[in-house]
Amino acid sequence: MTDFVFNSAVRSNVGLVRKNNQDSGYAGRNFLLIADGMGGHAGGDVASAITVARLASLDHPDHNGESLDSLRSTILDANDRIARAVDDEPQLGGMGTTVTALLRCNDRLALAHIGDSRAYLLRDDSFTQMTTDHTFVQMLVDEGRITPEEAEYHPQRSVVMRVLGDVGAPPELDMSVREARIGDRWMLCSDGLTGFADLDVIEEALRSIDDPGDCAEKLVNMALEGGGADNITVVIGDVIDATDLTAEDLDAPGAFGGSVEINPQYAQLGSADNDTQPVNEPKAVEDLETEALPQVDEKTAEVSSDSASASEETKEGADPNPAEAASATAVGAAASSAASVADASKRGGRGKARATSGRKRKELGADTDDFDDFSDEEPRRHWIPWAIAAAVIVVLIAAGFAGKAFIQSQYYVTEEDGKVAVYQGISQNLGPFELSNLRETTDIEVQYLPAYSQSRLEETIPASSEDEAKKIVENLRSSAEKARQQSVSGGATDGNSSDPAPSAPGKPEQGQQQAPDQQQGQQNQPQQKQPAQQPKQGENP
């Protein structure tokens, strides 16, 4: 095909709830990249900035046929840099990031992916997700335990199974080569977009707004209108004919967005030739909803008949909750380990005592009545089982208090008698026991909210703190007031007219399909897009 490049742009926003932006993005002539950071003390913003700063060096046309290998090796090097940064600054331990990257490779594109950020391709009449989420809920969908629609509202939808960074395991990357066609439009985004805007509305914006920068800006605003409870980053790249550009245009530098732009001091952290400097305390520290799922050995769940029954119920339940399951398994593992130690101590202790007394009797002779050493040895062992049992009880009690403290630290927003209400706890019951209580019923009438917000309320909107719940309520109040004013002024004929996302996000619509297998030249020739208008600041023309 004709030599091509990207006409691209990146936009990033901290959102309406988060205190700092842990996303990073890059848009260049030959390379597109999105990274959604997570975890650690300063954590996500550092990991994503390190990764994007390292990978941006790939934005040049001289890869020939080695683009896939170059992309893989550079991502692995970024992973090593994150590990070295953690070694230098232990408070960054546990940080990681998603990576979704698209690199020009002659007349093709090399695609690398890990985590739950996404790549979409708009071509002709199709709008296709080209990556698969590496999340807990996607695993449940693949196993047929829940539907894709249920996955969009699952309370653990942000739990990722595979990420780049300090997670105790080498990264498992999805690598593929894709066909490039003039007129294609690629979109890379963090889950802050797809979690708060419906796919059909996203597709409409991608089709109707030609300029990549204007389109990315529109998509970010739609996510903000949908709640904006997470960082939002969008990278858009149009495949265009390189011969339409001047040499100066072709050499134009790429644009950065998010943490890598806000915190340039993070770029060299972990590099081998960098003199380590202490990491400045970030402007705000926030625990992300996205976190790596711990690896748990299921065999440790067999503590007693009670814990085994509980484990079995969790496996067979219709709506599995990995956070509760992990907590229960952790308690079971502690109890199982303690029980195993107790058995080993009892068997080993007694055996050792008998062996010692046997040797001493042998040394003293058969007619010796002095067995003081043996009689002293045996009583000293009697306290071990009791001590271990007490330790197990203490662990179980501590786990119970920790579980209660965690539940009380959680909040969610939902509907109560037609009004927006805030609950403390989690939206689940443990048998006859409710794990939440009503904290506040607001004066916001649900009927005035956009349909998408009403749908989210019906499924409950989780919040990790009371302050976050209050911010969600204020966002809903603004949406309701706006809709009410439009209704009074006659500016809208129904309550859904201003709805930024009228249906549950992620539901497949007509014209959408799952990511196709790698193939070349098997799709119809697309229509060429109109030439882009004058470029905006921070993006390529």
Protein backbone atom coordinates (compact mmCIF):
# COMPACT_ATOMS: atom_id res chain seq x y z
CA MET A 1 0.00 0.00 0.00
CA THR A 2 0.97 3.68 -0.19
CA ASP A 3 3.36 4.83 2.51
CA PHE A 4 1.31 6.01 5.51
CA VAL A 5 1.62 7.83 8.82
CA PHE A 6 -0.74 8.78 11.64
CA ASN A 7 -2.55 12.09 11.94
CA SER A 8 -2.95 11.86 15.69
CA ALA A 9 -3.83 13.61 18.94
CA VAL A 10 -3.99 12.83 22.66
CA ARG A 11 -6.23 14.26 25.38
CA SER A 12 -6.14 13.42 29.10
CA ASN A 13 -8.21 14.58 32.09
CA VAL A 14 -7.97 13.80 35.80
CA GLY A 15 -11.76 13.37 36.01
CA LEU A 16 -14.19 14.65 38.63
CA VAL A 17 -13.25 12.38 41.55
CA ARG A 18 -9.57 11.42 41.41
CA LYS A 19 -7.02 13.74 42.97
CA ASN A 20 -4.20 13.05 40.49
CA ASN A 21 -3.91 11.77 36.94
CA GLN A 22 -2.34 8.31 36.77
CA ASP A 23 -2.90 7.93 33.02
CA SER A 24 -0.26 8.74 30.40
CA GLY A 25 -0.56 8.86 26.62
CA TYR A 26 1.42 9.58 23.47
CA ALA A 27 0.39 10.41 19.88
CA GLY A 28 2.99 10.57 17.10
CA ARG A 29 3.42 10.05 13.36
CA ASN A 30 4.48 6.42 13.71
CA PHE A 31 3.38 5.43 17.20
CA LEU A 32 0.29 5.58 19.46
CA LEU A 33 0.33 4.62 23.15
CA ILE A 34 -1.92 4.58 26.23
CA ALA A 35 -0.89 3.59 29.79
CA ASP A 36 -3.22 3.52 32.81
CA GLY A 37 -1.22 3.41 36.05
CA MET A 38 -2.24 1.79 39.32
CA GLY A 39 -1.13 0.92 42.86
CA GLY A 40 1.70 1.81 45.15
CA HIS A 41 2.29 4.90 47.31
CA ALA A 42 2.87 7.43 44.53
CA GLY A 43 2.38 4.50 42.23
CA GLY A 44 0.32 4.71 39.08
CA ASP A 45 1.36 8.12 37.83
CA VAL A 46 5.03 7.13 38.17
CA ALA A 47 4.63 3.75 36.44
CA SER A 48 2.68 5.12 33.48
CA ALA A 49 5.08 8.07 33.05
CA ILE A 50 8.15 5.79 33.10
CA THR A 51 6.54 3.51 30.53
CA VAL A 52 5.37 6.18 28.09
CA ALA A 53 8.63 8.12 28.32
CA ARG A 54 10.59 4.96 27.48
CA LEU A 55 8.32 3.76 24.65
CA ALA A 56 7.98 7.16 22.96
CA SER A 57 11.48 6.64 21.53
CA LEU A 58 9.88 4.15 19.11
CA ASP A 59 8.21 6.99 17.20
CA HIS A 60 10.37 6.82 14.06
CA PRO A 61 9.91 5.12 10.65
CA ASP A 62 13.11 3.03 10.62
CA HIS A 63 11.90 -0.26 12.10
CA ASN A 64 11.64 -2.16 8.80
CA GLY A 65 10.37 -5.68 9.49
CA GLU A 66 11.44 -5.74 13.13
CA SER A 67 8.72 -3.54 14.62
CA LEU A 68 7.08 -6.35 16.61
CA ASP A 69 10.38 -7.38 18.20
CA SER A 70 11.32 -3.75 18.86
CA LEU A 71 7.99 -3.08 20.50
CA ARG A 72 8.17 -6.16 22.71
CA SER A 73 11.77 -5.58 23.84
CA THR A 74 11.12 -1.90 24.61
CA ILE A 75 8.05 -2.75 26.70
CA LEU A 76 10.09 -5.33 28.64
CA ASP A 77 12.79 -2.69 29.18
CA ALA A 78 10.13 -0.31 30.54
CA ASN A 79 9.07 -3.10 32.90
CA ASP A 80 12.68 -3.41 34.11
CA ARG A 81 12.82 0.35 34.67
CA ILE A 82 9.74 0.19 36.88
CA ALA A 83 11.37 -2.62 38.89
CA ARG A 84 14.58 -0.60 39.30
CA ALA A 85 12.59 2.46 40.36
CA VAL A 86 10.95 0.37 43.09
CA ASP A 87 14.38 -0.86 44.20
CA ASP A 88 15.56 2.74 44.45
CA GLU A 89 12.35 4.03 46.06
CA PRO A 90 10.69 1.22 48.09
CA GLN A 91 7.61 3.35 48.79
CA LEU A 92 6.70 2.82 45.13
CA GLY A 93 6.34 -0.92 45.68
CA GLY A 94 3.36 -2.53 43.97
CA MET A 95 2.97 0.08 41.24
CA GLY A 96 2.07 -1.03 37.74
CA THR A 97 0.45 0.10 34.52
CA THR A 98 -1.52 -1.13 31.55
CA VAL A 99 -0.03 -0.74 28.08
CA THR A 100 -1.77 -0.61 24.71
CA ALA A 101 0.55 0.43 21.87
CA LEU A 102 0.32 0.65 18.08
CA LEU A 103 3.55 0.94 16.06
CA ARG A 104 3.95 1.52 12.32
CA CYS A 105 5.72 -1.41 10.63
CA ASN A 106 6.26 -0.79 6.89
CA ASP A 107 2.73 -1.20 5.48
CA ARG A 108 1.40 -2.85 8.63
CA LEU A 109 0.89 -2.10 12.32
CA ALA A 110 2.33 -3.90 15.35
CA LEU A 111 -0.12 -4.04 18.28
CA ALA A 112 0.95 -4.77 21.88
CA HIS A 113 -1.47 -5.02 24.79
CA ILE A 114 -1.57 -5.86 28.50
CA GLY A 115 -4.22 -4.80 31.04
CA ASP A 116 -7.67 -3.26 30.59
CA SER A 117 -7.01 -0.24 28.38
CA ARG A 118 -8.43 -0.76 24.91
CA ALA A 119 -7.75 -0.30 21.19
CA TYR A 120 -10.66 0.20 18.76
CA LEU A 121 -10.65 0.31 14.96
CA LEU A 122 -13.18 2.31 12.92
CA ARG A 123 -13.18 0.98 9.36
CA ASP A 124 -15.99 1.43 6.84
CA ASP A 125 -19.21 0.35 8.57
CA SER A 126 -17.54 -1.54 11.42
CA PHE A 127 -16.37 -0.40 14.85
CA THR A 128 -14.28 -3.17 16.42
CA GLN A 129 -12.54 -3.68 19.74
CA MET A 130 -9.09 -5.00 18.78
CA THR A 131 -7.87 -5.96 22.26
CA THR A 132 -9.15 -8.27 24.99
CA ASP A 133 -9.34 -7.02 28.58
CA HIS A 134 -7.06 -8.87 30.98
CA THR A 135 -9.54 -8.54 33.85
CA PHE A 136 -11.22 -10.80 36.37
CA VAL A 137 -14.67 -10.16 34.91
CA GLN A 138 -13.46 -10.90 31.36
CA MET A 139 -12.22 -14.24 32.65
CA LEU A 140 -15.70 -14.88 34.08
CA VAL A 141 -17.22 -13.95 30.71
CA ASP A 142 -14.83 -16.26 28.86
CA GLU A 143 -15.79 -19.09 31.22
CA GLY A 144 -19.49 -18.39 30.65
CA ARG A 145 -20.14 -17.55 34.30
CA ILE A 146 -21.49 -14.06 33.56
CA THR A 147 -22.64 -12.22 30.44
CA PRO A 148 -20.81 -9.26 28.85
CA GLU A 149 -23.68 -7.05 30.01
CA GLU A 150 -23.27 -8.24 33.61
CA ALA A 151 -19.52 -7.67 33.38
CA GLU A 152 -20.06 -3.94 32.77
CA TYR A 153 -21.64 -3.55 36.23
CA HIS A 154 -19.75 -6.21 38.18
CA PRO A 155 -18.28 -4.75 41.40
CA GLN A 156 -14.84 -6.20 40.53
CA ARG A 157 -14.78 -5.01 36.92
CA SER A 158 -11.62 -2.98 37.61
CA VAL A 159 -9.56 -5.91 38.92
CA VAL A 160 -6.84 -6.62 36.35
CA MET A 161 -5.10 -9.98 36.01
CA ARG A 162 -2.09 -8.91 33.91
CA VAL A 163 -0.19 -5.62 34.07
CA LEU A 164 3.27 -4.20 33.57
CA GLY A 165 5.27 -3.36 36.69
CA ASP A 166 6.15 -4.48 40.21
CA VAL A 167 3.61 -7.32 40.45
CA GLY A 168 5.87 -10.31 41.10
CA ALA A 169 5.48 -11.91 37.67
CA PRO A 170 6.95 -11.30 34.18
CA PRO A 171 4.54 -9.50 31.84
CA GLU A 172 2.49 -11.63 29.43
CA LEU A 173 1.93 -9.45 26.38
CA ASP A 174 -0.63 -9.92 23.62
CA MET A 175 1.33 -9.22 20.41
CA SER A 176 -0.11 -9.14 16.89
CA VAL A 177 0.37 -7.59 13.44
CA ARG A 178 -2.56 -5.71 11.89
CA GLU A 179 -3.33 -4.49 8.41
CA ALA A 180 -3.18 -0.74 7.82
CA ARG A 181 -5.53 1.00 5.38
CA ILE A 182 -5.73 4.63 4.39
CA GLY A 183 -8.89 6.00 6.01
CA ASP A 184 -8.74 3.78 9.12
CA ARG A 185 -9.26 5.52 12.45
CA TRP A 186 -7.72 3.97 15.58
CA MET A 187 -8.69 4.92 19.12
CA LEU A 188 -6.72 3.93 22.21
CA CYS A 189 -8.32 4.75 25.56
CA SER A 190 -8.21 4.07 29.28
CA ASP A 191 -11.23 2.56 31.03
CA GLY A 192 -12.13 6.04 32.23
CA LEU A 193 -13.75 6.53 28.82
CA THR A 194 -15.46 3.19 28.18
CA GLY A 195 -16.61 2.97 31.79
CA PHE A 196 -18.61 6.20 31.59
CA ALA A 197 -19.72 6.58 27.97
CA ASP A 198 -21.68 4.17 25.81
CA LEU A 199 -19.98 2.61 22.81
CA ASP A 200 -22.60 3.70 20.29
CA VAL A 201 -22.14 7.33 21.36
CA ILE A 202 -18.36 6.92 21.14
CA GLU A 203 -18.69 5.49 17.63
CA GLU A 204 -20.96 8.36 16.57
CA ALA A 205 -18.36 10.91 17.71
CA LEU A 206 -15.55 9.06 15.92
CA ARG A 207 -17.54 9.08 12.68
CA SER A 208 -18.81 12.65 12.83
CA ILE A 209 -15.75 14.65 14.03
CA ASP A 210 -12.89 14.63 11.51
CA ASP A 211 -10.18 16.40 13.50
CA PRO A 212 -8.50 13.92 15.90
CA GLY A 213 -7.94 16.56 18.58
CA ASP A 214 -11.53 17.82 18.52
CA CYS A 215 -12.82 14.26 18.54
CA ALA A 216 -10.64 13.25 21.51
CA GLU A 217 -11.78 16.37 23.39
CA LYS A 218 -15.42 15.48 22.74
CA LEU A 219 -14.96 11.94 24.01
CA VAL A 220 -13.29 13.16 27.21
CA ASN A 221 -16.20 15.55 27.82
CA MET A 222 -18.70 12.73 27.30
CA ALA A 223 -16.97 10.66 29.99
CA LEU A 224 -17.05 13.65 32.35
CA GLU A 225 -20.77 14.10 31.72
CA GLY A 226 -21.25 10.39 32.42
CA GLY A 227 -19.78 10.71 35.92
CA GLY A 228 -16.03 11.13 35.41
CA ALA A 229 -15.13 8.99 38.41
CA ASP A 230 -11.80 7.90 36.88
CA ASN A 231 -8.94 9.44 34.91
CA ILE A 232 -9.79 9.71 31.22
CA THR A 233 -7.26 9.48 28.39
CA VAL A 234 -7.99 9.18 24.66
CA VAL A 235 -5.50 8.79 21.79
CA ILE A 236 -6.82 8.99 18.21
CA GLY A 237 -4.76 8.19 15.11
CA ASP A 238 -6.01 8.46 11.52
CA VAL A 239 -4.10 6.45 8.91
CA ILE A 240 -3.27 8.96 6.14
CA ASP A 241 -1.18 9.03 2.97
CA ALA A 242 2.34 10.17 3.86
CA THR A 243 2.80 11.76 0.43
CA ASP A 244 0.18 14.36 1.33
CA LEU A 245 2.51 15.86 3.96
CA THR A 246 5.62 17.99 3.66
CA ALA A 247 8.96 16.84 5.06
CA GLU A 248 8.52 19.30 7.91
CA ASP A 249 5.12 17.86 8.76
CA LEU A 250 6.48 14.32 8.70
CA ASP A 251 9.20 15.29 11.18
CA ALA A 252 6.81 17.01 13.59
CA PRO A 253 7.31 15.76 17.18
CA GLY A 254 4.64 13.71 18.92
CA ALA A 255 2.46 14.91 21.79
CA PHE A 256 2.34 13.67 25.39
CA GLY A 257 -0.67 13.70 27.72
CA GLY A 258 -1.41 12.88 31.36
CA SER A 259 1.16 12.12 34.06
CA VAL A 260 4.14 11.93 31.70
CA GLU A 261 3.40 15.53 30.68
CA ILE A 262 2.52 16.76 34.19
CA ASN A 263 5.46 14.98 35.91
CA PRO A 264 8.44 15.02 33.51
CA GLN A 265 10.75 14.29 36.45
CA TYR A 266 9.47 10.69 36.46
CA ALA A 267 10.71 10.00 32.92
CA GLN A 268 14.24 8.90 33.86
CA LEU A 269 13.40 6.96 37.01
CA GLY A 270 14.76 3.44 36.87
CA SER A 271 17.03 4.05 33.84
CA ALA A 272 20.42 2.39 34.20
CA ASP A 273 22.37 5.61 33.55
CA ASN A 274 20.24 7.79 35.83
CA ASP A 275 21.61 9.12 39.10
CA THR A 276 18.83 8.17 41.49
CA GLN A 277 17.02 11.15 42.96
CA PRO A 278 14.30 10.90 45.59
CA VAL A 279 10.81 10.93 44.15
CA ASN A 280 8.97 14.11 45.03
CA GLU A 281 5.78 13.51 46.95
CA PRO A 282 2.96 13.61 44.40
CA LYS A 283 0.45 16.42 44.54
CA ALA A 284 -2.16 13.94 45.63
CA VAL A 285 -2.08 10.28 46.57
CA GLU A 286 -5.06 8.17 45.61
CA ASP A 287 -5.69 4.44 45.74
CA LEU A 288 -7.01 3.32 42.39
CA GLU A 289 -9.93 0.96 41.96
CA THR A 290 -7.80 -1.00 39.59
CA GLU A 291 -5.51 -3.42 41.36
CA ALA A 292 -3.80 -6.71 40.57
CA LEU A 293 -5.61 -9.81 41.73
CA PRO A 294 -3.48 -11.76 44.24
CA GLN A 295 -2.58 -15.34 43.38
CA VAL A 296 -4.19 -17.70 45.88
CA ASP A 297 -3.56 -21.42 46.24
CA GLU A 298 -7.00 -23.00 46.48
CA LYS A 299 -5.62 -25.98 48.39
CA THR A 300 -5.09 -23.79 51.43
CA ALA A 301 -8.84 -23.31 51.69
CA GLU A 302 -9.29 -26.76 53.25
CA VAL A 303 -9.01 -25.74 56.89
CA SER A 304 -12.04 -27.45 58.35
CA SER A 305 -15.40 -28.72 57.21
CA ASP A 306 -16.88 -25.25 57.76
CA SER A 307 -14.31 -23.40 55.66
CA ALA A 308 -14.48 -26.06 52.97
CA SER A 309 -18.24 -25.61 52.75
CA ALA A 310 -17.87 -21.86 52.51
CA SER A 311 -15.32 -22.24 49.73
CA GLU A 312 -17.60 -24.57 47.81
CA GLU A 313 -20.49 -22.12 48.07
CA THR A 314 -18.28 -19.36 46.66
CA LYS A 315 -17.28 -21.45 43.66
CA GLU A 316 -20.86 -22.35 42.82
CA GLY A 317 -22.40 -18.89 43.40
CA ALA A 318 -24.00 -17.07 40.51
CA ASP A 319 -22.44 -13.70 41.35
CA PRO A 320 -18.86 -14.37 42.53
CA ASN A 321 -17.18 -11.63 44.51
CA PRO A 322 -13.38 -11.99 44.18
CA ALA A 323 -12.62 -9.51 46.94
CA GLU A 324 -14.65 -11.47 49.50
CA ALA A 325 -13.39 -14.77 48.09
CA ALA A 326 -9.78 -13.63 48.34
CA SER A 327 -10.37 -12.45 51.92
CA ALA A 328 -12.02 -15.72 52.92
CA THR A 329 -9.27 -17.73 51.24
CA ALA A 330 -6.60 -15.67 52.98
CA VAL A 331 -8.17 -16.39 56.38
CA GLY A 332 -8.49 -20.04 55.43
CA ALA A 333 -4.89 -20.15 54.34
CA ALA A 334 -3.75 -18.69 57.64
CA ALA A 335 -5.83 -21.19 59.60
CA SER A 336 -4.68 -24.07 57.41
CA SER A 337 -1.04 -23.10 57.82
CA ALA A 338 -1.46 -22.83 61.57
CA ALA A 339 -3.21 -26.20 61.75
CA SER A 340 -0.46 -27.82 59.70
CA VAL A 341 2.19 -26.33 61.98
CA ALA A 342 0.25 -27.59 64.98
CA ASP A 343 0.16 -31.16 63.63
CA ALA A 344 3.81 -31.02 62.66
CA SER A 345 4.75 -29.64 66.07
CA LYS A 346 2.77 -32.31 67.88
CA ARG A 347 4.20 -35.16 65.82
CA GLY A 348 7.71 -33.77 65.65
CA GLY A 349 7.79 -32.66 69.30
CA ARG A 350 6.66 -35.95 70.73
CA GLY A 351 8.89 -37.93 68.40
CA LYS A 352 11.86 -35.85 69.37
CA ALA A 353 11.10 -36.23 73.07
CA ARG A 354 10.80 -40.01 72.79
CA ALA A 355 13.99 -40.23 70.82
CA THR A 356 15.85 -38.15 73.35
CA SER A 357 14.54 -40.15 76.31
CA GLY A 358 15.41 -43.38 74.49
CA ARG A 359 18.98 -42.24 73.94
CA LYS A 360 19.27 -41.11 77.57
CA ARG A 361 17.93 -44.42 78.86
CA LYS A 362 20.43 -46.17 76.70
CA GLU A 363 23.24 -44.02 78.06
CA LEU A 364 22.12 -44.44 81.70
CA GLY A 365 21.53 -48.15 81.41
CA ALA A 366 18.45 -50.35 81.68
CA ASP A 367 18.49 -50.43 85.46
CA THR A 368 18.56 -46.63 85.82
CA ASP A 369 15.46 -44.99 87.34
CA ASP A 370 16.61 -41.44 86.76
CA PHE A 371 14.43 -40.17 83.87
CA ASP A 372 14.30 -36.54 84.97
CA ASP A 373 15.39 -35.32 81.51
CA PHE A 374 12.55 -37.18 79.81
CA SER A 375 9.89 -36.13 82.32
CA ASP A 376 10.98 -32.49 82.00
CA GLU A 377 11.01 -32.67 78.19
CA GLU A 378 7.42 -33.92 77.82
CA PRO A 379 5.58 -31.28 79.92
CA ARG A 380 7.42 -28.50 78.16
CA ARG A 381 5.81 -29.58 74.87
CA HIS A 382 2.24 -29.55 76.18
CA TRP A 383 1.78 -25.78 75.74
CA ILE A 384 2.61 -25.81 71.99
CA PRO A 385 -0.82 -26.98 70.69
CA TRP A 386 -2.61 -24.53 72.96
CA ALA A 387 -0.40 -21.66 71.83
CA ILE A 388 -0.97 -22.48 68.17
CA ALA A 389 -4.73 -22.80 68.70
CA ALA A 390 -4.73 -19.41 70.44
CA ALA A 391 -2.75 -17.93 67.55
CA VAL A 392 -5.29 -19.28 65.06
CA ILE A 393 -8.14 -17.76 67.06
CA VAL A 394 -6.34 -14.41 67.18
CA VAL A 395 -5.80 -14.51 63.40
CA LEU A 396 -9.47 -15.28 62.79
CA ILE A 397 -10.62 -12.51 65.12
CA ALA A 398 -8.21 -10.05 63.53
CA ALA A 399 -9.44 -11.04 60.07
CA GLY A 400 -13.01 -10.49 61.21
CA PHE A 401 -12.26 -7.01 62.50
CA ALA A 402 -10.28 -6.21 59.34
CA GLY A 403 -13.18 -7.35 57.19
CA LYS A 404 -15.62 -5.25 59.21
CA ALA A 405 -13.33 -2.23 58.96
CA PHE A 406 -13.05 -2.65 55.20
CA ILE A 407 -16.81 -2.93 54.74
CA GLN A 408 -17.41 0.18 56.86
CA SER A 409 -14.87 2.10 54.76
CA GLN A 410 -16.82 1.43 51.56
CA TYR A 411 -19.76 3.46 50.22
CA TYR A 412 -22.08 3.29 47.26
CA VAL A 413 -24.70 5.51 45.67
CA THR A 414 -28.05 4.10 44.55
CA GLU A 415 -31.79 4.84 44.34
CA GLU A 416 -34.05 4.90 47.40
CA ASP A 417 -37.77 5.69 46.94
CA GLY A 418 -37.11 7.64 43.75
CA LYS A 419 -34.29 9.70 45.30
CA VAL A 420 -30.50 9.42 45.12
CA ALA A 421 -29.21 7.83 48.34
CA VAL A 422 -25.81 7.10 49.89
CA TYR A 423 -25.13 3.81 51.68
CA GLN A 424 -22.18 2.85 53.85
CA GLY A 425 -20.85 -0.67 53.29
CA ILE A 426 -21.13 -2.96 50.28
CA SER A 427 -24.24 -3.77 48.29
CA GLN A 428 -24.44 -7.42 49.34
CA ASN A 429 -25.90 -9.57 52.09
CA LEU A 430 -24.25 -12.33 54.11
CA GLY A 431 -27.15 -14.67 54.69
CA PRO A 432 -29.67 -12.76 56.83
CA PHE A 433 -27.14 -10.02 57.58
CA GLU A 434 -27.04 -6.83 55.52
CA LEU A 435 -23.56 -5.49 54.84
CA SER A 436 -24.64 -1.87 54.38
CA ASN A 437 -26.73 0.82 56.00
CA LEU A 438 -28.41 3.96 54.69
CA ARG A 439 -26.40 7.10 55.46
CA GLU A 440 -28.27 9.77 53.53
CA THR A 441 -31.26 10.20 51.24
CA THR A 442 -30.77 13.30 49.09
CA ASP A 443 -33.39 15.52 47.48
CA ILE A 444 -32.22 14.56 43.96
CA GLU A 445 -35.06 12.99 42.02
CA VAL A 446 -33.87 10.08 39.90
CA GLN A 447 -36.51 10.76 37.22
CA TYR A 448 -34.64 13.93 36.19
CA LEU A 449 -31.34 12.12 35.64
CA PRO A 450 -30.18 10.93 32.18
CA ALA A 451 -31.09 7.33 31.40
CA TYR A 452 -27.45 6.25 31.62
CA SER A 453 -27.10 7.66 35.15
CA GLN A 454 -30.37 6.01 36.16
CA SER A 455 -29.04 2.70 34.90
CA ARG A 456 -25.83 3.10 36.91
CA LEU A 457 -27.81 3.95 40.03
CA GLU A 458 -29.89 0.83 39.60
CA GLU A 459 -26.71 -1.26 39.56
CA THR A 460 -25.17 0.94 42.35
CA ILE A 461 -22.17 3.25 41.92
CA PRO A 462 -19.31 2.18 44.24
CA ALA A 463 -17.15 4.70 46.11
CA SER A 464 -14.00 4.01 48.10
CA SER A 465 -14.66 6.79 50.63
CA GLU A 466 -17.38 9.10 51.91
CA ASP A 467 -15.79 12.05 50.13
CA GLU A 468 -15.86 10.18 46.83
CA ALA A 469 -19.53 9.31 47.40
CA LYS A 470 -20.30 12.98 48.02
CA LYS A 471 -18.57 13.96 44.76
CA ILE A 472 -20.63 11.40 42.87
CA VAL A 473 -23.79 12.83 44.43
CA GLU A 474 -22.82 16.38 43.44
CA ASN A 475 -22.18 15.26 39.86
CA LEU A 476 -25.60 13.63 39.76
CA ARG A 477 -27.16 16.77 41.23
CA SER A 478 -25.66 18.86 38.45
CA SER A 479 -26.96 16.45 35.81
CA ALA A 480 -30.45 16.45 37.32
CA GLU A 481 -30.56 20.25 37.59
CA LYS A 482 -29.44 20.62 33.98
CA ALA A 483 -32.11 18.18 32.77
CA ARG A 484 -34.79 19.89 34.89
CA GLN A 485 -33.93 23.33 33.50
CA GLN A 486 -34.05 22.01 29.95
CA SER A 487 -37.45 20.48 30.63
CA VAL A 488 -38.84 23.74 32.05
CA SER A 489 -37.43 25.88 29.23
CA GLY A 490 -38.65 23.53 26.55
CA GLY A 491 -35.11 22.86 25.42
CA ALA A 492 -35.63 19.11 25.59
CA THR A 493 -38.62 17.00 24.70
CA ASP A 494 -37.79 14.23 27.13
CA GLY A 495 -35.40 13.42 29.93
CA ASN A 496 -33.04 11.46 27.71
CA SER A 497 -32.17 14.21 25.25
CA SER A 498 -29.00 15.27 27.06
CA ASP A 499 -28.02 11.80 28.15
CA PRO A 500 -24.36 11.27 27.22
CA ALA A 501 -24.69 7.49 27.43
CA PRO A 502 -28.28 6.23 27.17
CA SER A 503 -27.50 2.55 27.60
CA ALA A 504 -25.18 0.39 29.63
CA PRO A 505 -21.57 0.92 28.50
CA GLY A 506 -19.91 -1.84 26.61
CA LYS A 507 -23.12 -3.47 25.25
CA PRO A 508 -22.58 -4.62 21.71
CA GLU A 509 -24.68 -2.70 19.19
CA GLN A 510 -25.48 -3.34 15.56
CA GLY A 511 -22.34 -2.84 13.47
CA GLN A 512 -20.02 -3.75 16.35
CA GLN A 513 -18.08 -6.98 16.68
CA GLN A 514 -15.43 -8.57 18.83
CA ALA A 515 -11.77 -8.25 17.81
CA PRO A 516 -11.12 -10.36 14.65
CA ASP A 517 -8.24 -12.80 14.39
CA GLN A 518 -5.12 -11.48 12.73
CA GLN A 519 -5.76 -11.30 9.02
CA GLN A 520 -4.48 -9.40 6.02
CA GLY A 521 -6.31 -8.03 3.04
CA GLN A 522 -9.63 -9.74 3.77
CA GLN A 523 -11.77 -6.65 4.35
CA ASN A 524 -13.33 -4.23 1.87
CA GLN A 525 -11.40 -1.12 0.86
CA PRO A 526 -12.52 1.68 3.26
CA GLN A 527 -13.68 5.11 2.31
CA GLN A 528 -11.06 7.80 2.69
CA LYS A 529 -11.62 10.33 5.46
CA GLN A 530 -11.65 14.06 4.68
CA PRO A 531 -8.26 15.73 5.22
CA ALA A 532 -7.79 17.02 8.75
CA GLN A 533 -8.16 20.73 9.44
CA GLN A 534 -5.39 22.91 10.84
CA PRO A 535 -3.67 21.07 13.74
CA LYS A 536 -4.17 22.21 17.29
CA GLN A 537 -1.39 22.82 19.76
CA GLY A 538 0.09 19.60 21.16
CA GLU A 539 -0.87 17.37 18.18
CA ASN A 540 0.41 16.46 14.75
CA PRO A 541 -1.19 18.04 11.67
